[in-house]
Amino acid sequence: MKMETGKLIKELRVKKGLTQEDLAERTELSARTIQRIENGEVDPRLIHFK
């Protein structure tokens, strides 16, 4: 499940023409966290958004 979610997030990010850094700014997460989500290392549901 985590891998599928990360792939979807990456696909949508790329379709919108955003870099990981752009998405990080918009979500108030670090670019490293975005990278980990997209790689399936972290489940985005466990991240607390501000």
Protein backbone atom coordinates (compact mmCIF):
# COMPACT_ATOMS: atom_id res chain seq x y z
CA MET A 1 0.00 0.00 0.00
CA LYS A 2 2.78 2.45 0.89
CA MET A 3 4.49 1.93 -2.44
CA GLU A 4 1.29 2.59 -4.36
CA THR A 5 0.58 5.77 -2.41
CA GLY A 6 4.11 7.06 -2.96
CA LYS A 7 3.95 6.30 -6.67
CA LEU A 8 0.63 8.13 -6.96
CA ILE A 9 2.00 11.17 -5.13
CA LYS A 10 5.03 11.24 -7.41
CA GLU A 11 2.90 10.83 -10.53
CA LEU A 12 0.63 13.71 -9.53
CA ARG A 13 3.58 15.90 -8.53
CA VAL A 14 5.28 15.34 -11.88
CA LYS A 15 2.03 15.97 -13.80
CA LYS A 16 1.74 19.33 -12.04
CA GLY A 17 5.35 20.13 -12.93
CA LEU A 18 6.47 20.32 -9.31
CA THR A 19 9.84 19.33 -7.91
CA GLN A 20 10.13 17.55 -4.59
CA GLU A 21 11.31 20.85 -3.17
CA ASP A 22 8.19 22.63 -4.48
CA LEU A 23 5.94 20.02 -2.89
CA ALA A 24 7.93 20.19 0.33
CA GLU A 25 7.32 23.93 0.56
CA ARG A 26 3.60 23.56 -0.13
CA THR A 27 3.17 20.82 2.48
CA GLU A 28 5.61 22.21 5.05
CA LEU A 29 7.56 18.95 4.94
CA SER A 30 11.21 18.49 4.08
CA ALA A 31 12.25 17.45 0.59
CA ARG A 32 13.80 14.36 2.20
CA THR A 33 10.41 13.41 3.66
CA ILE A 34 8.78 13.80 0.23
CA GLN A 35 11.52 11.60 -1.20
CA ARG A 36 10.93 8.95 1.47
CA ILE A 37 7.17 8.98 0.84
CA GLU A 38 7.64 8.60 -2.90
CA ASN A 39 10.10 5.74 -2.36
CA GLY A 40 7.65 3.93 -0.08
CA GLU A 41 9.90 4.25 2.98
CA VAL A 42 7.29 6.20 4.95
CA ASP A 43 3.52 6.10 5.05
CA PRO A 44 2.18 9.63 4.49
CA ARG A 45 -0.78 8.92 6.78
CA LEU A 46 1.66 8.88 9.69
CA ILE A 47 2.83 12.42 8.99
CA HIS A 48 1.12 15.20 10.87
CA PHE A 49 0.38 18.10 8.56
CA LYS A 50 0.23 21.61 9.98
